[in-house]
């Protein structure tokens, strides 16, 4: 488990393939892509991708965990250029439910430690 610093819920190292859909202000999909998750918590996920997603963007993240997929809407809170070919983006979940969290916890039970939902 990663150091949670001032976070309300602990981050868990978690490499999963994710697909994402980027939305404009009218709710239309403007871009779709694939990325790799680096860590996640009850409240968000850090992904790595070749394309930068701007801060404030609304995204639908679909995380593949085992045989399940977990779709979650979110907002990009920060982005960092790692090198010429990689960006890291922190995405805050907007609609995480207990059901979705349980699917993730089957593979990462430590996500349920600490914090409140």
N, C-alpha and C. Protein backbone atom coordinates (compact mmCIF):
# COMPACT_ATOMS: atom_id res chain seq x y z
N UNK A 1 0.84 -1.16 0.00
CA UNK A 1 0.00 0.00 0.00
C UNK A 1 0.89 1.23 0.00
N UNK A 2 0.51 2.23 -0.77
CA UNK A 2 1.29 3.45 -0.83
C UNK A 2 0.97 4.35 0.35
N UNK A 3 1.93 5.23 0.68
CA UNK A 3 1.71 6.22 1.73
C UNK A 3 0.55 7.10 1.30
N UNK A 4 -0.43 7.25 2.18
CA UNK A 4 -1.62 8.01 1.82
C UNK A 4 -1.50 9.49 2.13
N UNK A 5 -0.43 9.92 2.79
CA UNK A 5 -0.25 11.33 3.07
C UNK A 5 -1.49 11.92 3.72
N UNK A 6 -2.06 12.96 3.10
CA UNK A 6 -3.25 13.60 3.63
C UNK A 6 -4.53 13.01 3.05
N UNK A 7 -4.46 11.92 2.37
CA UNK A 7 -5.63 11.32 1.72
C UNK A 7 -6.57 10.70 2.74
N UNK A 8 -7.88 10.72 2.40
CA UNK A 8 -8.89 10.11 3.26
C UNK A 8 -8.93 8.60 3.09
N UNK A 9 -8.51 8.11 1.93
CA UNK A 9 -8.51 6.66 1.71
C UNK A 9 -7.16 6.26 1.11
N UNK A 10 -6.65 5.10 1.53
CA UNK A 10 -5.31 4.68 1.09
C UNK A 10 -5.27 4.33 -0.39
N UNK A 11 -4.13 4.63 -1.01
CA UNK A 11 -3.90 4.23 -2.40
C UNK A 11 -3.30 2.83 -2.40
N UNK A 12 -3.73 2.04 -3.37
CA UNK A 12 -3.27 0.66 -3.51
C UNK A 12 -2.60 0.54 -4.88
N UNK A 13 -1.37 0.00 -4.90
CA UNK A 13 -0.74 -0.24 -6.20
C UNK A 13 -1.58 -1.24 -6.95
N UNK A 14 -1.96 -0.87 -8.17
CA UNK A 14 -2.90 -1.72 -8.93
C UNK A 14 -2.72 -1.47 -10.42
N UNK A 15 -2.08 -2.41 -11.10
CA UNK A 15 -1.92 -2.29 -12.55
C UNK A 15 -3.04 -3.07 -13.24
N UNK A 16 -3.91 -2.32 -13.88
CA UNK A 16 -5.02 -2.91 -14.63
C UNK A 16 -5.15 -2.15 -15.94
N UNK A 17 -5.60 -2.85 -16.97
CA UNK A 17 -5.94 -2.15 -18.19
C UNK A 17 -7.24 -1.39 -17.95
N UNK A 18 -7.27 -0.17 -18.44
CA UNK A 18 -8.49 0.63 -18.36
C UNK A 18 -8.78 1.22 -19.73
N UNK A 19 -10.04 1.34 -20.04
CA UNK A 19 -10.42 2.13 -21.20
C UNK A 19 -11.05 3.40 -20.66
N UNK A 20 -11.02 4.43 -21.47
CA UNK A 20 -11.62 5.68 -21.01
C UNK A 20 -12.31 6.39 -22.16
N UNK A 21 -13.31 7.17 -21.81
CA UNK A 21 -14.05 8.00 -22.74
C UNK A 21 -14.00 9.42 -22.19
N UNK A 22 -13.54 10.35 -22.99
CA UNK A 22 -13.45 11.76 -22.60
C UNK A 22 -14.69 12.47 -23.12
N UNK A 23 -15.34 13.28 -22.28
CA UNK A 23 -16.58 13.96 -22.63
C UNK A 23 -16.38 15.47 -22.71
N UNK A 24 -17.14 16.12 -23.63
CA UNK A 24 -17.15 17.58 -23.68
C UNK A 24 -18.23 18.10 -22.73
N UNK A 25 -18.42 19.42 -22.71
CA UNK A 25 -19.39 20.04 -21.79
C UNK A 25 -20.83 19.63 -22.07
N UNK A 26 -21.11 19.18 -23.29
CA UNK A 26 -22.46 18.76 -23.64
C UNK A 26 -22.68 17.26 -23.40
N UNK A 27 -21.67 16.56 -22.91
CA UNK A 27 -21.80 15.14 -22.63
C UNK A 27 -21.50 14.24 -23.81
N UNK A 28 -20.92 14.81 -24.88
CA UNK A 28 -20.56 14.01 -26.05
C UNK A 28 -19.15 13.44 -25.89
N UNK A 29 -18.96 12.20 -26.32
CA UNK A 29 -17.63 11.59 -26.27
C UNK A 29 -16.76 12.25 -27.33
N UNK A 30 -15.61 12.79 -26.91
CA UNK A 30 -14.70 13.46 -27.83
C UNK A 30 -13.43 12.65 -28.09
N UNK A 31 -13.14 11.69 -27.23
CA UNK A 31 -11.93 10.90 -27.39
C UNK A 31 -12.11 9.61 -26.60
N UNK A 32 -11.57 8.51 -27.14
CA UNK A 32 -11.57 7.23 -26.44
C UNK A 32 -10.16 6.67 -26.48
N UNK A 33 -9.79 5.96 -25.45
CA UNK A 33 -8.46 5.38 -25.44
C UNK A 33 -8.31 4.29 -24.40
N UNK A 34 -7.11 3.74 -24.37
CA UNK A 34 -6.73 2.71 -23.41
C UNK A 34 -5.57 3.26 -22.58
N UNK A 35 -5.50 2.83 -21.34
CA UNK A 35 -4.43 3.26 -20.45
C UNK A 35 -4.14 2.14 -19.46
N UNK A 36 -3.18 2.39 -18.59
CA UNK A 36 -2.82 1.45 -17.54
C UNK A 36 -2.99 2.15 -16.21
N UNK A 37 -3.68 1.51 -15.27
CA UNK A 37 -3.77 2.10 -13.93
C UNK A 37 -2.46 1.81 -13.19
N UNK A 38 -2.07 2.75 -12.35
CA UNK A 38 -0.87 2.59 -11.52
C UNK A 38 -1.24 2.37 -10.06
N UNK A 39 -2.25 3.10 -9.61
CA UNK A 39 -2.77 2.89 -8.27
C UNK A 39 -4.22 3.35 -8.24
N UNK A 40 -4.90 2.93 -7.17
CA UNK A 40 -6.28 3.37 -7.02
C UNK A 40 -6.64 3.40 -5.55
N UNK A 41 -7.73 4.08 -5.27
CA UNK A 41 -8.29 4.15 -3.92
C UNK A 41 -9.80 4.14 -4.07
N UNK A 42 -10.49 4.27 -2.95
CA UNK A 42 -11.95 4.36 -3.02
C UNK A 42 -12.38 5.60 -3.78
N UNK A 43 -11.54 6.61 -3.78
CA UNK A 43 -11.93 7.91 -4.30
C UNK A 43 -11.34 8.25 -5.66
N UNK A 44 -10.38 7.46 -6.15
CA UNK A 44 -9.79 7.83 -7.43
C UNK A 44 -8.79 6.82 -7.94
N UNK A 45 -8.21 7.16 -9.08
CA UNK A 45 -7.29 6.27 -9.77
C UNK A 45 -6.20 7.10 -10.44
N UNK A 46 -5.00 6.57 -10.50
CA UNK A 46 -3.90 7.18 -11.24
C UNK A 46 -3.67 6.32 -12.47
N UNK A 47 -3.74 6.95 -13.65
CA UNK A 47 -3.52 6.20 -14.89
C UNK A 47 -2.32 6.74 -15.64
N UNK A 48 -1.76 5.89 -16.48
CA UNK A 48 -0.63 6.25 -17.34
C UNK A 48 -1.08 6.08 -18.78
N UNK A 49 -0.78 7.09 -19.60
CA UNK A 49 -1.24 7.07 -20.99
C UNK A 49 -0.29 7.91 -21.84
N UNK A 50 -0.31 7.66 -23.13
CA UNK A 50 0.51 8.44 -24.07
C UNK A 50 -0.10 9.80 -24.38
N UNK A 51 -1.42 9.89 -24.23
CA UNK A 51 -2.13 11.15 -24.49
C UNK A 51 -2.45 11.83 -23.17
N UNK A 52 -2.27 13.14 -23.12
CA UNK A 52 -2.62 13.89 -21.92
C UNK A 52 -4.12 14.18 -21.91
N UNK A 53 -4.73 13.98 -20.78
CA UNK A 53 -6.13 14.34 -20.59
C UNK A 53 -6.12 15.60 -19.73
N UNK A 54 -6.77 16.67 -20.17
CA UNK A 54 -6.66 17.94 -19.44
C UNK A 54 -7.33 17.93 -18.06
N UNK A 55 -6.77 18.70 -17.15
CA UNK A 55 -7.35 18.87 -15.82
C UNK A 55 -8.76 19.42 -15.97
N UNK A 56 -9.67 18.87 -15.20
CA UNK A 56 -11.07 19.30 -15.24
C UNK A 56 -11.93 18.50 -16.20
N UNK A 57 -11.29 17.68 -17.04
CA UNK A 57 -12.04 16.88 -18.02
C UNK A 57 -12.89 15.83 -17.31
N UNK A 58 -14.07 15.59 -17.86
CA UNK A 58 -14.95 14.52 -17.38
C UNK A 58 -14.64 13.26 -18.17
N UNK A 59 -14.42 12.15 -17.47
CA UNK A 59 -14.07 10.90 -18.12
C UNK A 59 -14.86 9.74 -17.53
N UNK A 60 -15.12 8.76 -18.37
CA UNK A 60 -15.66 7.49 -17.90
C UNK A 60 -14.51 6.51 -17.98
N UNK A 61 -14.14 5.95 -16.84
CA UNK A 61 -13.06 4.98 -16.74
C UNK A 61 -13.69 3.61 -16.61
N UNK A 62 -13.22 2.65 -17.38
CA UNK A 62 -13.69 1.27 -17.26
C UNK A 62 -12.48 0.42 -16.89
N UNK A 63 -12.46 -0.02 -15.63
CA UNK A 63 -11.32 -0.77 -15.09
C UNK A 63 -11.60 -2.27 -15.23
N UNK A 64 -10.64 -2.98 -15.82
CA UNK A 64 -10.75 -4.44 -15.94
C UNK A 64 -10.09 -5.07 -14.71
N UNK A 65 -10.90 -5.72 -13.87
CA UNK A 65 -10.39 -6.42 -12.69
C UNK A 65 -10.86 -7.86 -12.76
N UNK A 66 -9.89 -8.75 -12.99
CA UNK A 66 -10.24 -10.16 -13.15
C UNK A 66 -11.16 -10.34 -14.34
N UNK A 67 -12.28 -11.02 -14.12
CA UNK A 67 -13.26 -11.23 -15.18
C UNK A 67 -14.31 -10.13 -15.23
N UNK A 68 -14.20 -9.14 -14.36
CA UNK A 68 -15.18 -8.06 -14.28
C UNK A 68 -14.63 -6.78 -14.89
N UNK A 69 -15.56 -5.92 -15.27
CA UNK A 69 -15.21 -4.55 -15.63
C UNK A 69 -16.02 -3.63 -14.72
N UNK A 70 -15.37 -2.56 -14.28
CA UNK A 70 -16.00 -1.63 -13.35
C UNK A 70 -16.00 -0.24 -14.00
N UNK A 71 -17.17 0.25 -14.45
CA UNK A 71 -17.25 1.58 -15.04
C UNK A 71 -17.47 2.65 -13.96
N UNK A 72 -16.70 3.72 -14.02
CA UNK A 72 -16.83 4.80 -13.04
C UNK A 72 -16.62 6.13 -13.74
N UNK A 73 -17.49 7.09 -13.46
CA UNK A 73 -17.31 8.45 -13.97
C UNK A 73 -16.35 9.19 -13.05
N UNK A 74 -15.57 10.11 -13.64
CA UNK A 74 -14.63 10.86 -12.83
C UNK A 74 -14.22 12.16 -13.47
N UNK A 75 -13.43 12.93 -12.73
CA UNK A 75 -12.89 14.21 -13.17
C UNK A 75 -11.38 14.18 -13.00
N UNK A 76 -10.66 14.62 -14.03
CA UNK A 76 -9.20 14.68 -13.95
C UNK A 76 -8.82 15.81 -13.00
N UNK A 77 -8.06 15.48 -11.96
CA UNK A 77 -7.65 16.45 -10.95
C UNK A 77 -6.22 16.94 -11.15
N UNK A 78 -5.36 16.10 -11.70
CA UNK A 78 -3.99 16.55 -11.98
C UNK A 78 -3.41 15.71 -13.11
N UNK A 79 -2.44 16.29 -13.78
CA UNK A 79 -1.75 15.60 -14.86
C UNK A 79 -0.27 15.93 -14.78
N UNK A 80 0.56 14.95 -15.11
CA UNK A 80 2.01 15.14 -15.04
C UNK A 80 2.66 14.47 -16.25
N UNK A 81 3.50 15.22 -16.94
CA UNK A 81 4.27 14.65 -18.05
C UNK A 81 5.46 13.91 -17.45
N UNK A 82 5.51 12.59 -17.66
CA UNK A 82 6.57 11.77 -17.09
C UNK A 82 7.79 11.78 -17.98
N UNK A 83 7.57 11.62 -19.28
CA UNK A 83 8.63 11.71 -20.28
C UNK A 83 7.97 12.04 -21.62
N UNK A 84 8.73 11.94 -22.70
CA UNK A 84 8.19 12.32 -24.01
C UNK A 84 7.04 11.43 -24.48
N UNK A 85 6.88 10.28 -23.85
CA UNK A 85 5.86 9.33 -24.32
C UNK A 85 4.82 8.96 -23.27
N UNK A 86 4.87 9.57 -22.08
CA UNK A 86 3.97 9.16 -21.01
C UNK A 86 3.46 10.33 -20.19
N UNK A 87 2.19 10.23 -19.82
CA UNK A 87 1.57 11.16 -18.89
C UNK A 87 0.92 10.35 -17.77
N UNK A 88 0.92 10.93 -16.57
CA UNK A 88 0.18 10.36 -15.45
C UNK A 88 -0.96 11.32 -15.14
N UNK A 89 -2.17 10.77 -15.00
CA UNK A 89 -3.33 11.58 -14.68
C UNK A 89 -4.04 11.02 -13.46
N UNK A 90 -4.32 11.90 -12.50
CA UNK A 90 -5.09 11.52 -11.32
C UNK A 90 -6.55 11.85 -11.55
N UNK A 91 -7.41 10.86 -11.38
CA UNK A 91 -8.83 11.03 -11.66
C UNK A 91 -9.62 10.76 -10.38
N UNK A 92 -10.46 11.71 -10.01
CA UNK A 92 -11.32 11.56 -8.83
C UNK A 92 -12.64 10.93 -9.27
N UNK A 93 -13.03 9.83 -8.60
CA UNK A 93 -14.28 9.15 -8.92
C UNK A 93 -15.48 10.00 -8.50
N UNK A 94 -16.47 10.09 -9.36
CA UNK A 94 -17.68 10.86 -9.07
C UNK A 94 -18.85 9.96 -8.68
N UNK A 95 -18.85 8.70 -9.11
CA UNK A 95 -20.01 7.84 -8.85
C UNK A 95 -19.63 6.43 -8.40
N UNK A 96 -18.61 6.34 -7.56
CA UNK A 96 -18.23 5.04 -7.02
C UNK A 96 -19.35 4.56 -6.09
N UNK A 97 -19.80 3.33 -6.30
CA UNK A 97 -20.85 2.75 -5.45
C UNK A 97 -20.25 1.61 -4.62
N UNK A 98 -20.99 1.18 -3.62
CA UNK A 98 -20.53 0.04 -2.81
C UNK A 98 -20.39 -1.21 -3.67
N UNK A 99 -21.29 -1.40 -4.62
CA UNK A 99 -21.23 -2.57 -5.50
C UNK A 99 -19.95 -2.56 -6.35
N UNK A 100 -19.62 -1.41 -6.91
CA UNK A 100 -18.40 -1.30 -7.72
C UNK A 100 -17.17 -1.50 -6.85
N UNK A 101 -17.21 -0.91 -5.66
CA UNK A 101 -16.08 -1.03 -4.73
C UNK A 101 -15.85 -2.49 -4.33
N UNK A 102 -16.92 -3.24 -4.14
CA UNK A 102 -16.80 -4.66 -3.78
C UNK A 102 -16.13 -5.46 -4.89
N UNK A 103 -16.43 -5.14 -6.14
CA UNK A 103 -15.79 -5.84 -7.26
C UNK A 103 -14.29 -5.59 -7.26
N UNK A 104 -13.89 -4.35 -7.01
CA UNK A 104 -12.46 -4.02 -6.95
C UNK A 104 -11.82 -4.69 -5.74
N UNK A 105 -12.53 -4.69 -4.62
CA UNK A 105 -11.99 -5.25 -3.37
C UNK A 105 -11.77 -6.76 -3.45
N UNK A 106 -12.43 -7.44 -4.37
CA UNK A 106 -12.17 -8.87 -4.55
C UNK A 106 -10.71 -9.11 -4.94
N UNK A 107 -10.11 -8.15 -5.62
CA UNK A 107 -8.71 -8.25 -6.07
C UNK A 107 -7.77 -7.39 -5.23
N UNK A 108 -8.32 -6.38 -4.58
CA UNK A 108 -7.53 -5.46 -3.75
C UNK A 108 -8.27 -5.20 -2.44
N UNK A 109 -8.32 -6.19 -1.54
CA UNK A 109 -9.08 -6.01 -0.29
C UNK A 109 -8.59 -4.84 0.56
N UNK A 110 -7.33 -4.48 0.42
CA UNK A 110 -6.78 -3.38 1.22
C UNK A 110 -7.42 -2.04 0.88
N UNK A 111 -8.14 -1.96 -0.23
CA UNK A 111 -8.82 -0.72 -0.60
C UNK A 111 -9.92 -0.37 0.41
N UNK A 112 -10.37 -1.36 1.16
CA UNK A 112 -11.43 -1.15 2.14
C UNK A 112 -10.91 -0.66 3.49
N UNK A 113 -9.58 -0.61 3.66
CA UNK A 113 -8.99 -0.19 4.93
C UNK A 113 -9.04 1.32 5.06
N UNK A 114 -9.30 1.79 6.27
CA UNK A 114 -9.26 3.22 6.56
C UNK A 114 -10.29 4.01 5.79
N UNK A 115 -10.42 5.27 6.13
CA UNK A 115 -11.34 6.16 5.43
C UNK A 115 -12.79 5.76 5.59
N UNK A 116 -13.65 6.56 5.02
CA UNK A 116 -15.09 6.29 5.05
C UNK A 116 -15.67 6.50 3.69
N UNK A 117 -16.78 5.84 3.44
CA UNK A 117 -17.52 5.99 2.19
C UNK A 117 -18.87 6.55 2.47
